[in-house]
Amino acid sequence: MARNDKRLTLTCNQFMIKAIILDLGRVIVPFDFNRAWLQIEARYGISPQEIRRRLAGTGLYDLFESGLIDPPEFLRRINELLDIQVPADEFWPIWTSIFLPETLLSDEFLELLSSRRRLVLLSNTNIIHFEMIRSTYPLLRHFHQFVLSYELGVMKPRPEIYLEAARAGDCKPEECFFADDIKENVDGALRVGIDAVQFVSASQLESELRQRGLI
């Protein structure tokens, strides 16, 4: 591509993209389930490997993150699968301990994006995790809209959730930019016409946005 053609493409992208859509987990807030499973092991003697084995293939996470079961039912099934009896007041602090304190994107960076374009959060999450994150990480205040799987009853990479994110951005899918750490979710966005990239790091995301003239 000639230099002038490249400049023209970047200029078109700058005016075409009206909304920036970002994933939450491992794009903004890092997490590690081992932080929770090690606490279960310390209290109940079940190794993280065994916990993962028992939960694998159950679809329990998807049910919870699709809003198809509520927190008490989720905990009941966890206790049943692990053959333990963790009370709610003990389990939910363990369940939310997976998130690390330092975010991957800075408050200042999100504030900049929010000032340039409509900023939408698109996440496969559950009500317990999201309420904890919203109260713990004040940088979420920069988002204009939240599109959450447990509220919609549908998860990435289903097309409906991306179309809802575009509506939350007050624009068409082709007028959105999206970043997610999971390739399958990026591919889902691309299929509905959203310009999407797989998140690797804050510097990589900044480079992608600069290439599009968004910052």
N, C-alpha and C. Protein backbone atom coordinates (compact mmCIF):
# COMPACT_ATOMS: atom_id res chain seq x y z
N MET A 1 0.84 -1.19 0.00
CA MET A 1 0.00 0.00 0.00
C MET A 1 0.88 1.25 0.00
N ALA A 2 0.58 2.20 -0.90
CA ALA A 2 1.34 3.44 -0.94
C ALA A 2 1.09 4.23 0.33
N ARG A 3 2.09 5.10 0.64
CA ARG A 3 1.99 5.87 1.89
C ARG A 3 0.73 6.71 1.93
N ASN A 4 0.38 7.36 0.81
CA ASN A 4 -0.82 8.21 0.79
C ASN A 4 -2.09 7.39 0.99
N ASP A 5 -2.11 6.16 0.39
CA ASP A 5 -3.27 5.29 0.56
C ASP A 5 -3.41 4.87 2.01
N LYS A 6 -2.28 4.58 2.67
CA LYS A 6 -2.32 4.17 4.07
C LYS A 6 -2.84 5.30 4.94
N ARG A 7 -2.38 6.52 4.67
CA ARG A 7 -2.86 7.68 5.43
C ARG A 7 -4.36 7.87 5.24
N LEU A 8 -4.84 7.65 4.01
CA LEU A 8 -6.26 7.80 3.72
C LEU A 8 -7.07 6.77 4.50
N THR A 9 -6.56 5.51 4.54
CA THR A 9 -7.26 4.45 5.28
C THR A 9 -7.36 4.78 6.75
N LEU A 10 -6.25 5.26 7.34
CA LEU A 10 -6.24 5.61 8.75
C LEU A 10 -7.20 6.76 9.04
N THR A 11 -7.24 7.74 8.13
CA THR A 11 -8.16 8.86 8.30
C THR A 11 -9.60 8.40 8.24
N CYS A 12 -9.90 7.48 7.33
CA CYS A 12 -11.27 6.94 7.23
C CYS A 12 -11.64 6.18 8.49
N ASN A 13 -10.69 5.38 9.00
CA ASN A 13 -10.95 4.63 10.23
C ASN A 13 -11.24 5.56 11.39
N GLN A 14 -10.50 6.66 11.45
CA GLN A 14 -10.66 7.61 12.55
C GLN A 14 -12.09 8.13 12.60
N PHE A 15 -12.66 8.42 11.44
CA PHE A 15 -14.00 8.99 11.41
C PHE A 15 -15.09 7.92 11.40
N MET A 16 -14.74 6.69 11.01
CA MET A 16 -15.73 5.63 10.92
C MET A 16 -16.02 5.03 12.31
N ILE A 17 -15.00 4.85 13.13
CA ILE A 17 -15.17 4.19 14.42
C ILE A 17 -15.74 5.18 15.43
N LYS A 18 -16.91 4.82 15.95
CA LYS A 18 -17.61 5.68 16.90
C LYS A 18 -17.59 5.15 18.33
N ALA A 19 -17.29 3.84 18.48
CA ALA A 19 -17.31 3.24 19.81
C ALA A 19 -16.13 2.30 19.98
N ILE A 20 -15.55 2.32 21.16
CA ILE A 20 -14.50 1.39 21.54
C ILE A 20 -15.09 0.43 22.57
N ILE A 21 -15.03 -0.86 22.26
CA ILE A 21 -15.60 -1.89 23.12
C ILE A 21 -14.46 -2.73 23.68
N LEU A 22 -14.43 -2.90 24.99
CA LEU A 22 -13.36 -3.66 25.63
C LEU A 22 -13.92 -4.78 26.49
N ASP A 23 -13.22 -5.91 26.45
CA ASP A 23 -13.47 -7.00 27.37
C ASP A 23 -13.01 -6.57 28.77
N LEU A 24 -13.42 -7.32 29.78
CA LEU A 24 -13.06 -6.99 31.17
C LEU A 24 -11.92 -7.86 31.69
N GLY A 25 -12.15 -9.16 31.83
CA GLY A 25 -11.15 -10.05 32.41
C GLY A 25 -9.96 -10.26 31.50
N ARG A 26 -8.77 -10.04 32.05
CA ARG A 26 -7.49 -10.18 31.36
C ARG A 26 -7.31 -9.18 30.22
N VAL A 27 -8.15 -8.16 30.19
CA VAL A 27 -7.92 -6.98 29.36
C VAL A 27 -7.81 -5.76 30.27
N ILE A 28 -8.73 -5.65 31.20
CA ILE A 28 -8.67 -4.57 32.18
C ILE A 28 -8.23 -5.10 33.54
N VAL A 29 -8.89 -6.15 34.01
CA VAL A 29 -8.58 -6.70 35.33
C VAL A 29 -8.03 -8.12 35.17
N PRO A 30 -6.80 -8.39 35.63
CA PRO A 30 -6.26 -9.75 35.55
C PRO A 30 -6.88 -10.65 36.61
N PHE A 31 -6.94 -11.94 36.33
CA PHE A 31 -7.48 -12.87 37.31
C PHE A 31 -6.78 -14.22 37.20
N ASP A 32 -6.88 -14.99 38.28
CA ASP A 32 -6.26 -16.30 38.35
C ASP A 32 -7.11 -17.16 39.29
N PHE A 33 -7.79 -18.16 38.74
CA PHE A 33 -8.67 -19.01 39.55
C PHE A 33 -7.91 -19.81 40.60
N ASN A 34 -6.63 -20.02 40.40
CA ASN A 34 -5.85 -20.73 41.41
C ASN A 34 -5.86 -20.01 42.75
N ARG A 35 -6.01 -18.69 42.73
CA ARG A 35 -6.09 -17.95 43.99
C ARG A 35 -7.27 -18.41 44.83
N ALA A 36 -8.36 -18.79 44.17
CA ALA A 36 -9.53 -19.32 44.89
C ALA A 36 -9.35 -20.78 45.23
N TRP A 37 -8.88 -21.57 44.26
CA TRP A 37 -8.80 -23.01 44.49
C TRP A 37 -7.78 -23.37 45.55
N LEU A 38 -6.72 -22.59 45.70
CA LEU A 38 -5.74 -22.85 46.76
C LEU A 38 -6.35 -22.63 48.14
N GLN A 39 -7.29 -21.69 48.24
CA GLN A 39 -7.98 -21.49 49.52
C GLN A 39 -8.91 -22.66 49.83
N ILE A 40 -9.55 -23.20 48.80
CA ILE A 40 -10.38 -24.39 48.99
C ILE A 40 -9.51 -25.57 49.43
N GLU A 41 -8.35 -25.69 48.80
CA GLU A 41 -7.45 -26.79 49.16
C GLU A 41 -7.02 -26.66 50.62
N ALA A 42 -6.68 -25.43 51.05
CA ALA A 42 -6.21 -25.24 52.42
C ALA A 42 -7.28 -25.57 53.46
N ARG A 43 -8.55 -25.34 53.10
CA ARG A 43 -9.63 -25.55 54.06
C ARG A 43 -10.29 -26.91 53.96
N TYR A 44 -10.29 -27.48 52.74
CA TYR A 44 -11.05 -28.71 52.54
C TYR A 44 -10.23 -29.86 51.95
N GLY A 45 -8.95 -29.60 51.66
CA GLY A 45 -8.06 -30.67 51.23
C GLY A 45 -8.23 -31.15 49.81
N ILE A 46 -8.92 -30.39 48.97
CA ILE A 46 -9.09 -30.78 47.56
C ILE A 46 -8.11 -29.96 46.72
N SER A 47 -7.28 -30.61 45.95
CA SER A 47 -6.26 -29.90 45.18
C SER A 47 -6.88 -29.09 44.05
N PRO A 48 -6.21 -28.03 43.61
CA PRO A 48 -6.71 -27.27 42.46
C PRO A 48 -6.90 -28.14 41.22
N GLN A 49 -6.01 -29.11 41.02
CA GLN A 49 -6.14 -30.00 39.86
C GLN A 49 -7.44 -30.81 39.95
N GLU A 50 -7.75 -31.30 41.14
CA GLU A 50 -8.97 -32.08 41.33
C GLU A 50 -10.21 -31.21 41.19
N ILE A 51 -10.14 -29.98 41.68
CA ILE A 51 -11.27 -29.05 41.52
C ILE A 51 -11.55 -28.81 40.05
N ARG A 52 -10.49 -28.53 39.29
CA ARG A 52 -10.67 -28.28 37.85
C ARG A 52 -11.23 -29.52 37.16
N ARG A 53 -10.77 -30.71 37.57
CA ARG A 53 -11.25 -31.95 36.95
C ARG A 53 -12.74 -32.14 37.19
N ARG A 54 -13.17 -31.88 38.42
CA ARG A 54 -14.58 -32.09 38.76
C ARG A 54 -15.50 -31.07 38.10
N LEU A 55 -15.00 -29.87 37.88
CA LEU A 55 -15.83 -28.83 37.28
C LEU A 55 -15.81 -28.86 35.75
N ALA A 56 -14.77 -29.48 35.19
CA ALA A 56 -14.63 -29.51 33.73
C ALA A 56 -15.82 -30.24 33.10
N GLY A 57 -16.34 -29.64 32.04
CA GLY A 57 -17.41 -30.28 31.28
C GLY A 57 -18.78 -30.18 31.90
N THR A 58 -18.90 -29.52 33.05
CA THR A 58 -20.22 -29.41 33.69
C THR A 58 -21.06 -28.27 33.11
N GLY A 59 -20.38 -27.30 32.47
CA GLY A 59 -21.10 -26.13 31.96
C GLY A 59 -21.57 -25.19 33.05
N LEU A 60 -21.06 -25.38 34.27
CA LEU A 60 -21.54 -24.60 35.40
C LEU A 60 -21.22 -23.12 35.27
N TYR A 61 -20.00 -22.82 34.83
CA TYR A 61 -19.63 -21.41 34.66
C TYR A 61 -20.54 -20.73 33.65
N ASP A 62 -20.80 -21.41 32.53
CA ASP A 62 -21.63 -20.81 31.48
C ASP A 62 -23.06 -20.57 31.98
N LEU A 63 -23.58 -21.50 32.76
CA LEU A 63 -24.92 -21.31 33.31
C LEU A 63 -24.98 -20.07 34.20
N PHE A 64 -23.96 -19.90 35.03
CA PHE A 64 -23.91 -18.76 35.95
C PHE A 64 -23.70 -17.47 35.19
N GLU A 65 -22.81 -17.48 34.21
CA GLU A 65 -22.49 -16.26 33.48
C GLU A 65 -23.54 -15.91 32.44
N SER A 66 -24.43 -16.85 32.14
CA SER A 66 -25.57 -16.56 31.28
C SER A 66 -26.80 -16.13 32.09
N GLY A 67 -26.65 -16.11 33.41
CA GLY A 67 -27.77 -15.72 34.26
C GLY A 67 -28.85 -16.78 34.35
N LEU A 68 -28.53 -18.03 33.99
CA LEU A 68 -29.53 -19.10 33.99
C LEU A 68 -29.68 -19.74 35.36
N ILE A 69 -28.70 -19.55 36.23
CA ILE A 69 -28.83 -19.96 37.63
C ILE A 69 -28.40 -18.79 38.51
N ASP A 70 -28.97 -18.70 39.69
CA ASP A 70 -28.64 -17.60 40.59
C ASP A 70 -27.50 -18.01 41.53
N PRO A 71 -26.96 -17.07 42.31
CA PRO A 71 -25.82 -17.39 43.18
C PRO A 71 -26.08 -18.55 44.14
N PRO A 72 -27.22 -18.62 44.83
CA PRO A 72 -27.41 -19.76 45.73
C PRO A 72 -27.37 -21.11 45.01
N GLU A 73 -27.95 -21.18 43.81
CA GLU A 73 -27.93 -22.43 43.06
C GLU A 73 -26.52 -22.76 42.58
N PHE A 74 -25.77 -21.73 42.18
CA PHE A 74 -24.38 -21.95 41.77
C PHE A 74 -23.58 -22.53 42.92
N LEU A 75 -23.70 -21.95 44.10
CA LEU A 75 -22.97 -22.44 45.26
C LEU A 75 -23.42 -23.86 45.63
N ARG A 76 -24.72 -24.13 45.55
CA ARG A 76 -25.21 -25.48 45.85
C ARG A 76 -24.55 -26.50 44.94
N ARG A 77 -24.43 -26.18 43.65
CA ARG A 77 -23.83 -27.12 42.70
C ARG A 77 -22.33 -27.25 42.92
N ILE A 78 -21.66 -26.16 43.27
CA ILE A 78 -20.23 -26.23 43.60
C ILE A 78 -20.02 -27.20 44.76
N ASN A 79 -20.79 -27.03 45.82
CA ASN A 79 -20.67 -27.90 46.98
C ASN A 79 -20.94 -29.36 46.62
N GLU A 80 -21.93 -29.57 45.77
CA GLU A 80 -22.28 -30.93 45.36
C GLU A 80 -21.17 -31.56 44.54
N LEU A 81 -20.62 -30.81 43.59
CA LEU A 81 -19.57 -31.34 42.72
C LEU A 81 -18.28 -31.61 43.48
N LEU A 82 -17.97 -30.75 44.45
CA LEU A 82 -16.73 -30.92 45.20
C LEU A 82 -16.92 -31.74 46.46
N ASP A 83 -18.18 -32.11 46.76
CA ASP A 83 -18.50 -32.90 47.94
C ASP A 83 -18.02 -32.22 49.22
N ILE A 84 -18.34 -30.93 49.32
CA ILE A 84 -18.00 -30.14 50.51
C ILE A 84 -19.23 -29.31 50.89
N GLN A 85 -19.12 -28.59 51.99
CA GLN A 85 -20.19 -27.71 52.41
C GLN A 85 -19.61 -26.35 52.80
N VAL A 86 -19.31 -25.54 51.76
CA VAL A 86 -18.79 -24.20 52.01
C VAL A 86 -19.98 -23.26 52.20
N PRO A 87 -20.08 -22.58 53.35
CA PRO A 87 -21.19 -21.64 53.52
C PRO A 87 -21.01 -20.40 52.63
N ALA A 88 -22.10 -19.74 52.32
CA ALA A 88 -22.07 -18.60 51.41
C ALA A 88 -21.13 -17.51 51.89
N ASP A 89 -21.16 -17.19 53.20
CA ASP A 89 -20.32 -16.10 53.70
C ASP A 89 -18.84 -16.42 53.63
N GLU A 90 -18.49 -17.70 53.45
CA GLU A 90 -17.10 -18.09 53.27
C GLU A 90 -16.75 -18.21 51.79
N PHE A 91 -17.72 -18.71 50.99
CA PHE A 91 -17.40 -18.98 49.58
C PHE A 91 -17.27 -17.72 48.73
N TRP A 92 -18.17 -16.75 48.90
CA TRP A 92 -18.14 -15.61 47.99
C TRP A 92 -16.86 -14.78 48.10
N PRO A 93 -16.28 -14.56 49.30
CA PRO A 93 -14.96 -13.91 49.33
C PRO A 93 -13.88 -14.73 48.62
N ILE A 94 -13.97 -16.06 48.71
CA ILE A 94 -13.03 -16.91 47.97
C ILE A 94 -13.24 -16.75 46.47
N TRP A 95 -14.52 -16.76 46.06
CA TRP A 95 -14.87 -16.68 44.64
C TRP A 95 -14.40 -15.36 44.02
N THR A 96 -14.42 -14.28 44.77
CA THR A 96 -14.01 -12.98 44.23
C THR A 96 -12.53 -12.70 44.42
N SER A 97 -11.83 -13.60 45.10
CA SER A 97 -10.39 -13.38 45.35
C SER A 97 -9.53 -13.65 44.13
N ILE A 98 -10.14 -14.11 43.04
CA ILE A 98 -9.37 -14.45 41.85
C ILE A 98 -8.78 -13.21 41.17
N PHE A 99 -9.32 -12.03 41.45
CA PHE A 99 -8.88 -10.82 40.76
C PHE A 99 -7.68 -10.18 41.44
N LEU A 100 -6.71 -9.79 40.63
CA LEU A 100 -5.50 -9.17 41.14
C LEU A 100 -5.71 -7.67 41.29
N PRO A 101 -5.00 -7.04 42.21
CA PRO A 101 -5.26 -5.62 42.49
C PRO A 101 -4.83 -4.66 41.38
N GLU A 102 -3.73 -4.97 40.70
CA GLU A 102 -3.22 -4.05 39.67
C GLU A 102 -3.89 -4.31 38.33
N THR A 103 -4.49 -3.28 37.74
CA THR A 103 -5.17 -3.45 36.45
C THR A 103 -4.18 -3.46 35.29
N LEU A 104 -4.60 -4.03 34.16
CA LEU A 104 -3.76 -4.10 32.97
C LEU A 104 -3.79 -2.80 32.17
N LEU A 105 -4.91 -2.09 32.24
CA LEU A 105 -5.03 -0.78 31.62
C LEU A 105 -5.16 0.26 32.74
N SER A 106 -4.62 1.41 32.52
CA SER A 106 -4.61 2.42 33.57
C SER A 106 -5.89 3.25 33.56
N ASP A 107 -6.16 3.87 34.68
CA ASP A 107 -7.28 4.79 34.81
C ASP A 107 -7.16 5.92 33.79
N GLU A 108 -5.95 6.44 33.64
CA GLU A 108 -5.71 7.56 32.72
C GLU A 108 -5.97 7.17 31.27
N PHE A 109 -5.58 5.93 30.92
CA PHE A 109 -5.79 5.46 29.55
C PHE A 109 -7.27 5.33 29.24
N LEU A 110 -8.04 4.74 30.16
CA LEU A 110 -9.48 4.61 29.93
C LEU A 110 -10.17 5.97 29.92
N GLU A 111 -9.69 6.88 30.73
CA GLU A 111 -10.26 8.23 30.72
C GLU A 111 -10.03 8.89 29.36
N LEU A 112 -8.84 8.69 28.78
CA LEU A 112 -8.55 9.23 27.45
C LEU A 112 -9.49 8.63 26.41
N LEU A 113 -9.65 7.30 26.43
CA LEU A 113 -10.53 6.66 25.45
C LEU A 113 -11.96 7.16 25.60
N SER A 114 -12.39 7.32 26.83
CA SER A 114 -13.76 7.77 27.10
C SER A 114 -13.99 9.18 26.59
N SER A 115 -12.94 9.97 26.56
CA SER A 115 -13.07 11.35 26.08
C SER A 115 -13.08 11.43 24.56
N ARG A 116 -12.61 10.36 23.88
CA ARG A 116 -12.50 10.39 22.42
C ARG A 116 -13.65 9.67 21.72
N ARG A 117 -14.14 8.59 22.33
CA ARG A 117 -15.19 7.78 21.72
C ARG A 117 -16.12 7.26 22.81
N ARG A 118 -17.27 6.74 22.39
CA ARG A 118 -18.14 6.07 23.35
C ARG A 118 -17.45 4.78 23.79
N LEU A 119 -17.37 4.55 25.09
CA LEU A 119 -16.61 3.43 25.64
C LEU A 119 -17.57 2.42 26.27
N VAL A 120 -17.51 1.18 25.77
CA VAL A 120 -18.45 0.14 26.19
C VAL A 120 -17.67 -1.05 26.75
N LEU A 121 -18.12 -1.56 27.87
CA LEU A 121 -17.55 -2.77 28.45
C LEU A 121 -18.40 -3.97 28.04
N LEU A 122 -17.76 -4.99 27.47
CA LEU A 122 -18.45 -6.19 27.02
C LEU A 122 -17.82 -7.39 27.71
N SER A 123 -18.57 -8.05 28.58
CA SER A 123 -17.95 -9.10 29.39
C SER A 123 -18.85 -10.31 29.59
N ASN A 124 -18.23 -11.50 29.48
CA ASN A 124 -18.83 -12.72 29.99
C ASN A 124 -18.52 -12.76 31.49
N THR A 125 -19.51 -12.54 32.31
CA THR A 125 -19.27 -12.47 33.74
C THR A 125 -20.53 -12.87 34.50
N ASN A 126 -20.43 -12.90 35.80
CA ASN A 126 -21.57 -13.23 36.65
C ASN A 126 -21.82 -12.11 37.64
N ILE A 127 -22.97 -12.13 38.28
CA ILE A 127 -23.38 -11.01 39.12
C ILE A 127 -22.44 -10.82 40.33
N ILE A 128 -21.93 -11.90 40.90
CA ILE A 128 -21.05 -11.78 42.06
C ILE A 128 -19.73 -11.14 41.67
N HIS A 129 -19.12 -11.62 40.60
CA HIS A 129 -17.86 -11.05 40.16
C HIS A 129 -18.01 -9.59 39.75
N PHE A 130 -19.06 -9.30 38.98
CA PHE A 130 -19.17 -7.94 38.46
C PHE A 130 -19.46 -6.93 39.56
N GLU A 131 -20.31 -7.28 40.49
CA GLU A 131 -20.59 -6.33 41.58
C GLU A 131 -19.35 -6.06 42.40
N MET A 132 -18.53 -7.10 42.63
CA MET A 132 -17.28 -6.90 43.36
C MET A 132 -16.33 -6.01 42.57
N ILE A 133 -16.18 -6.28 41.27
CA ILE A 133 -15.27 -5.50 40.43
C ILE A 133 -15.71 -4.04 40.37
N ARG A 134 -16.99 -3.84 40.19
CA ARG A 134 -17.49 -2.46 40.07
C ARG A 134 -17.23 -1.65 41.34
N SER A 135 -17.30 -2.31 42.49
CA SER A 135 -17.08 -1.59 43.75
C SER A 135 -15.61 -1.47 44.11
N THR A 136 -14.75 -2.27 43.47
CA THR A 136 -13.33 -2.31 43.85
C THR A 136 -12.43 -1.55 42.89
N TYR A 137 -12.82 -1.48 41.62
CA TYR A 137 -11.97 -0.86 40.60
C TYR A 137 -12.67 0.39 40.07
N PRO A 138 -12.33 1.55 40.61
CA PRO A 138 -13.05 2.77 40.23
C PRO A 138 -12.88 3.18 38.77
N LEU A 139 -11.89 2.63 38.07
CA LEU A 139 -11.69 3.02 36.67
C LEU A 139 -12.86 2.61 35.77
N LEU A 140 -13.74 1.72 36.24
CA LEU A 140 -14.90 1.35 35.44
C LEU A 140 -15.87 2.52 35.25
N ARG A 141 -15.69 3.58 36.02
CA ARG A 141 -16.57 4.74 35.88
C ARG A 141 -16.42 5.41 34.52
N HIS A 142 -15.34 5.12 33.82
CA HIS A 142 -15.12 5.76 32.52
C HIS A 142 -15.96 5.14 31.40
N PHE A 143 -16.56 3.99 31.64
CA PHE A 143 -17.37 3.35 30.61
C PHE A 143 -18.76 3.98 30.56
N HIS A 144 -19.22 4.20 29.35
CA HIS A 144 -20.56 4.77 29.16
C HIS A 144 -21.65 3.72 29.33
N GLN A 145 -21.33 2.47 28.97
CA GLN A 145 -22.33 1.40 29.07
C GLN A 145 -21.63 0.08 29.41
N PHE A 146 -22.34 -0.79 30.13
CA PHE A 146 -21.89 -2.15 30.40
C PHE A 146 -22.81 -3.12 29.67
N VAL A 147 -22.23 -4.05 28.93
CA VAL A 147 -22.98 -5.12 28.29
C VAL A 147 -22.48 -6.42 28.91
N LEU A 148 -23.33 -7.06 29.73
CA LEU A 148 -22.90 -8.15 30.58
C LEU A 148 -23.70 -9.41 30.27
N SER A 149 -22.99 -10.52 30.15
CA SER A 149 -23.63 -11.77 29.73
C SER A 149 -24.74 -12.21 30.68
N TYR A 150 -24.52 -12.06 31.98
CA TYR A 150 -25.54 -12.57 32.92
C TYR A 150 -26.82 -11.74 32.87
N GLU A 151 -26.73 -10.50 32.41
CA GLU A 151 -27.94 -9.68 32.27
C GLU A 151 -28.67 -9.99 30.96
N LEU A 152 -27.90 -10.29 29.92
CA LEU A 152 -28.51 -10.53 28.60
C LEU A 152 -28.96 -11.98 28.40
N GLY A 153 -28.36 -12.90 29.15
CA GLY A 153 -28.66 -14.31 28.96
C GLY A 153 -27.98 -14.90 27.75
N VAL A 154 -26.90 -14.26 27.30
CA VAL A 154 -26.15 -14.75 26.15
C VAL A 154 -24.69 -14.35 26.33
N MET A 155 -23.78 -15.22 25.85
CA MET A 155 -22.35 -15.01 26.06
C MET A 155 -21.61 -14.87 24.73
N LYS A 156 -20.46 -14.21 24.79
CA LYS A 156 -19.53 -14.26 23.66
C LYS A 156 -19.12 -15.71 23.46
N PRO A 157 -18.98 -16.20 22.23
CA PRO A 157 -18.98 -15.45 20.97
C PRO A 157 -20.29 -15.46 20.21
N ARG A 158 -21.44 -15.54 20.88
CA ARG A 158 -22.72 -15.48 20.19
C ARG A 158 -22.91 -14.10 19.56
N PRO A 159 -23.43 -14.01 18.35
CA PRO A 159 -23.54 -12.72 17.67
C PRO A 159 -24.42 -11.72 18.39
N GLU A 160 -25.45 -12.19 19.10
CA GLU A 160 -26.39 -11.26 19.73
C GLU A 160 -25.71 -10.31 20.71
N ILE A 161 -24.71 -10.80 21.42
CA ILE A 161 -24.08 -9.97 22.45
C ILE A 161 -23.24 -8.86 21.82
N TYR A 162 -22.64 -9.13 20.66
CA TYR A 162 -21.87 -8.09 19.97
C TYR A 162 -22.80 -7.03 19.39
N LEU A 163 -23.93 -7.47 18.87
CA LEU A 163 -24.89 -6.51 18.32
C LEU A 163 -25.45 -5.61 19.43
N GLU A 164 -25.63 -6.18 20.62
CA GLU A 164 -26.08 -5.38 21.76
C GLU A 164 -25.00 -4.39 22.17
N ALA A 165 -23.73 -4.80 22.10
CA ALA A 165 -22.63 -3.89 22.42
C ALA A 165 -22.58 -2.73 21.43
N ALA A 166 -22.82 -3.02 20.15
CA ALA A 166 -22.86 -1.96 19.15
C ALA A 166 -24.00 -0.99 19.44
N ARG A 167 -25.16 -1.53 19.82
CA ARG A 167 -26.27 -0.65 20.19
C ARG A 167 -25.92 0.20 21.40
N ALA A 168 -25.22 -0.39 22.37
CA ALA A 168 -24.80 0.37 23.55
C ALA A 168 -23.81 1.47 23.17
N GLY A 169 -23.06 1.22 22.10
CA GLY A 169 -22.15 2.23 21.59
C GLY A 169 -22.83 3.25 20.70
N ASP A 170 -24.16 3.08 20.51
CA ASP A 170 -24.96 3.99 19.70
C ASP A 170 -24.43 4.05 18.27
N CYS A 171 -24.10 2.88 17.73
CA CYS A 171 -23.56 2.84 16.37
C CYS A 171 -23.78 1.46 15.74
N LYS A 172 -23.37 1.33 14.49
CA LYS A 172 -23.44 0.07 13.77
C LYS A 172 -22.22 -0.79 14.11
N PRO A 173 -22.30 -2.11 13.90
CA PRO A 173 -21.13 -2.96 14.19
C PRO A 173 -19.86 -2.50 13.46
N GLU A 174 -19.99 -2.09 12.23
CA GLU A 174 -18.81 -1.67 11.47
C GLU A 174 -18.24 -0.34 11.95
N GLU A 175 -18.91 0.29 12.88
CA GLU A 175 -18.43 1.54 13.46
C GLU A 175 -17.82 1.32 14.85
N CYS A 176 -17.52 0.04 15.18
CA CYS A 176 -16.97 -0.30 16.49
C CYS A 176 -15.58 -0.90 16.36
N PHE A 177 -14.80 -0.68 17.41
CA PHE A 177 -13.52 -1.38 17.58
C PHE A 177 -13.62 -2.19 18.87
N PHE A 178 -13.12 -3.44 18.85
CA PHE A 178 -13.25 -4.33 20.00
C PHE A 178 -11.93 -5.02 20.29
N ALA A 179 -11.62 -5.19 21.58
CA ALA A 179 -10.43 -5.95 21.99
C ALA A 179 -10.82 -6.96 23.06
N ASP A 180 -10.34 -8.19 22.90
CA ASP A 180 -10.62 -9.28 23.83
C ASP A 180 -9.38 -10.16 23.87
N ASP A 181 -9.12 -10.78 25.02
CA ASP A 181 -7.92 -11.63 25.12
C ASP A 181 -8.11 -13.01 24.51
N ILE A 182 -9.35 -13.41 24.22
CA ILE A 182 -9.64 -14.75 23.70
C ILE A 182 -9.93 -14.68 22.20
N LYS A 183 -9.16 -15.44 21.42
CA LYS A 183 -9.29 -15.38 19.97
C LYS A 183 -10.70 -15.74 19.50
N GLU A 184 -11.31 -16.72 20.12
CA GLU A 184 -12.66 -17.12 19.73
C GLU A 184 -13.64 -15.95 19.85
N ASN A 185 -13.46 -15.12 20.87
CA ASN A 185 -14.35 -13.97 21.05
C ASN A 185 -14.05 -12.87 20.04
N VAL A 186 -12.79 -12.73 19.68
CA VAL A 186 -12.41 -11.78 18.63
C VAL A 186 -13.03 -12.21 17.31
N ASP A 187 -12.93 -13.51 17.00
CA ASP A 187 -13.49 -14.02 15.75
C ASP A 187 -15.00 -13.81 15.70
N GLY A 188 -15.67 -13.96 16.85
CA GLY A 188 -17.11 -13.73 16.90
C GLY A 188 -17.46 -12.29 16.56
N ALA A 189 -16.65 -11.36 17.03
CA ALA A 189 -16.89 -9.94 16.71
C ALA A 189 -16.64 -9.67 15.23
N LEU A 190 -15.59 -10.25 14.69
CA LEU A 190 -15.28 -10.05 13.28
C LEU A 190 -16.43 -10.56 12.39
N ARG A 191 -17.06 -11.65 12.80
CA ARG A 191 -18.14 -12.22 11.98
C ARG A 191 -19.35 -11.30 11.87
N VAL A 192 -19.56 -10.43 12.85
CA VAL A 192 -20.70 -9.50 12.75
C VAL A 192 -20.26 -8.14 12.18
N GLY A 193 -19.00 -8.03 11.77
CA GLY A 193 -18.55 -6.81 11.10
C GLY A 193 -17.82 -5.82 11.98
N ILE A 194 -17.51 -6.20 13.22
CA ILE A 194 -16.77 -5.31 14.13
C ILE A 194 -15.28 -5.45 13.88
N ASP A 195 -14.57 -4.35 13.83
CA ASP A 195 -13.12 -4.34 13.76
C ASP A 195 -12.59 -4.81 15.12
N ALA A 196 -11.90 -5.96 15.17
CA ALA A 196 -11.54 -6.55 16.45
C ALA A 196 -10.11 -7.09 16.43
N VAL A 197 -9.46 -7.02 17.59
CA VAL A 197 -8.10 -7.55 17.73
C VAL A 197 -8.01 -8.33 19.04
N GLN A 198 -7.08 -9.26 19.08
CA GLN A 198 -6.82 -10.01 20.31
C GLN A 198 -5.87 -9.20 21.19
N PHE A 199 -6.28 -9.00 22.43
CA PHE A 199 -5.48 -8.22 23.37
C PHE A 199 -4.28 -9.03 23.84
N VAL A 200 -3.11 -8.37 23.83
CA VAL A 200 -1.87 -8.97 24.33
C VAL A 200 -1.31 -8.16 25.49
N SER A 201 -1.31 -6.84 25.32
CA SER A 201 -0.77 -5.96 26.35
C SER A 201 -1.32 -4.56 26.16
N ALA A 202 -1.12 -3.73 27.15
CA ALA A 202 -1.58 -2.34 27.06
C ALA A 202 -0.88 -1.61 25.93
N SER A 203 0.42 -1.85 25.76
CA SER A 203 1.16 -1.17 24.70
C SER A 203 0.69 -1.63 23.32
N GLN A 204 0.37 -2.92 23.19
CA GLN A 204 -0.14 -3.42 21.90
C GLN A 204 -1.49 -2.80 21.59
N LEU A 205 -2.37 -2.71 22.60
CA LEU A 205 -3.68 -2.10 22.37
C LEU A 205 -3.53 -0.63 22.00
N GLU A 206 -2.65 0.07 22.67
CA GLU A 206 -2.42 1.48 22.34
C GLU A 206 -1.94 1.61 20.90
N SER A 207 -1.07 0.70 20.48
CA SER A 207 -0.58 0.73 19.09
C SER A 207 -1.72 0.51 18.10
N GLU A 208 -2.60 -0.45 18.40
CA GLU A 208 -3.74 -0.72 17.52
C GLU A 208 -4.65 0.51 17.42
N LEU A 209 -4.87 1.18 18.53
CA LEU A 209 -5.73 2.35 18.53
C LEU A 209 -5.07 3.51 17.79
N ARG A 210 -3.77 3.65 17.96
CA ARG A 210 -3.05 4.73 17.24
C ARG A 210 -3.09 4.50 15.73
N GLN A 211 -2.95 3.25 15.32
CA GLN A 211 -3.00 2.93 13.89
C GLN A 211 -4.35 3.34 13.29
N ARG A 212 -5.38 3.32 14.10
CA ARG A 212 -6.72 3.67 13.62
C ARG A 212 -7.06 5.13 13.87
N GLY A 213 -6.10 5.88 14.37
CA GLY A 213 -6.31 7.31 14.61
C GLY A 213 -7.24 7.61 15.75
N LEU A 214 -7.39 6.65 16.70
CA LEU A 214 -8.33 6.83 17.77
C LEU A 214 -7.72 7.50 19.00
N ILE A 215 -6.41 7.49 19.10
CA ILE A 215 -5.71 8.24 20.15
C ILE A 215 -4.48 8.88 19.54
